[in-house]
Amino acid sequence: MIISSWNVNSVRARIENIKEYLKKFSPDIVMMQEIKTQNETYPYDDISSLKYENYVFGQKSYNGVAIVSKKKLENIKNDPFKDKNKQSRIITADIKFKKKNITLINIYTPNGNPVDTEKYTYKLYWLESLIKKLKSMSKSNENIIIGGDFNIIPAAEDVHNPKSYENDALFRLEIRKKLRELINLGFHDAYRFINPEKEGYTFWDYTSGAWQKNNGMRIDHFLVSNSLINLVKDVKINKYPRGRLKPSDHTPIEIELA
């Protein structure tokens, strides 16, 4: 089973890219972030025509998350910790695999820039709320896969120029410690578990020729619970969509469960 996570940067603007990706690579499940549209204007028909179910938690113009799946998912929940800012940033669902009931959590963490503003404070609040919710959820089901745009660079090797990001909300030590708190709840950074030293950028800015120069960063992740990590066969960064016309500035990260 292939589960993909992709910040599509507007599902309507990228719909042709998304359809091409689904046709060419045929992932079983795709967690999408930053769909930037309400449920009413989401392109259900385009994706349903490719035999995928749609589960959507939209928001007008900003944020928004969705899960598309070849198989029907169960127990769909939007905003499970009741975001005080009422932003559409998290959707969860359950799926059975290898006789295990797995909870999938699709997240779009706030960017947090500029630091020392309420945007940064909100990011901290949001991550703390997620940590608290995960502590509660893991008591009823230890089999959890979290995928999404975390807006966190885990370490210096995950960004092209770490020095320039030291006081950025994506790389500030305080934020990286929040990611470590998440992992310490009983998870593995799946990409680093499979690829301990390999570069794995998932984002390249639209400006300054970042894509062409490979000036990227790894901010899209899968965290897999300890109980499931032995099922992880491979984790790949699929760069194909980032090189297409009118791409998202992110590219999919894909986890394969054996």
Foldseek 3Di string as FASTA:
>chain_A
DKEKEEAFQACVLCVVLVLVCCVPPVGQKYKYKFNQDCPVPHPQVSLVVSQWDKDWDYDHRTIIIIMIGNDDWADKDWPVLPQPVPHGFKIWTWDADPNAIEIEIEGDQQLLPPPPDVSVVSSVVVLVSVLVVVLVVCVVPVWYKYWYQQLAFQDPLFFQHVVVCCNGSRYDPVSNVSVVSSCVSAWDFLQCVAVVRDHAFFFFDPPPCCVVVVRGGHRTTMITGPVQSVQWPDKHFDCVQVPDPPGDRGGMIMTDGD
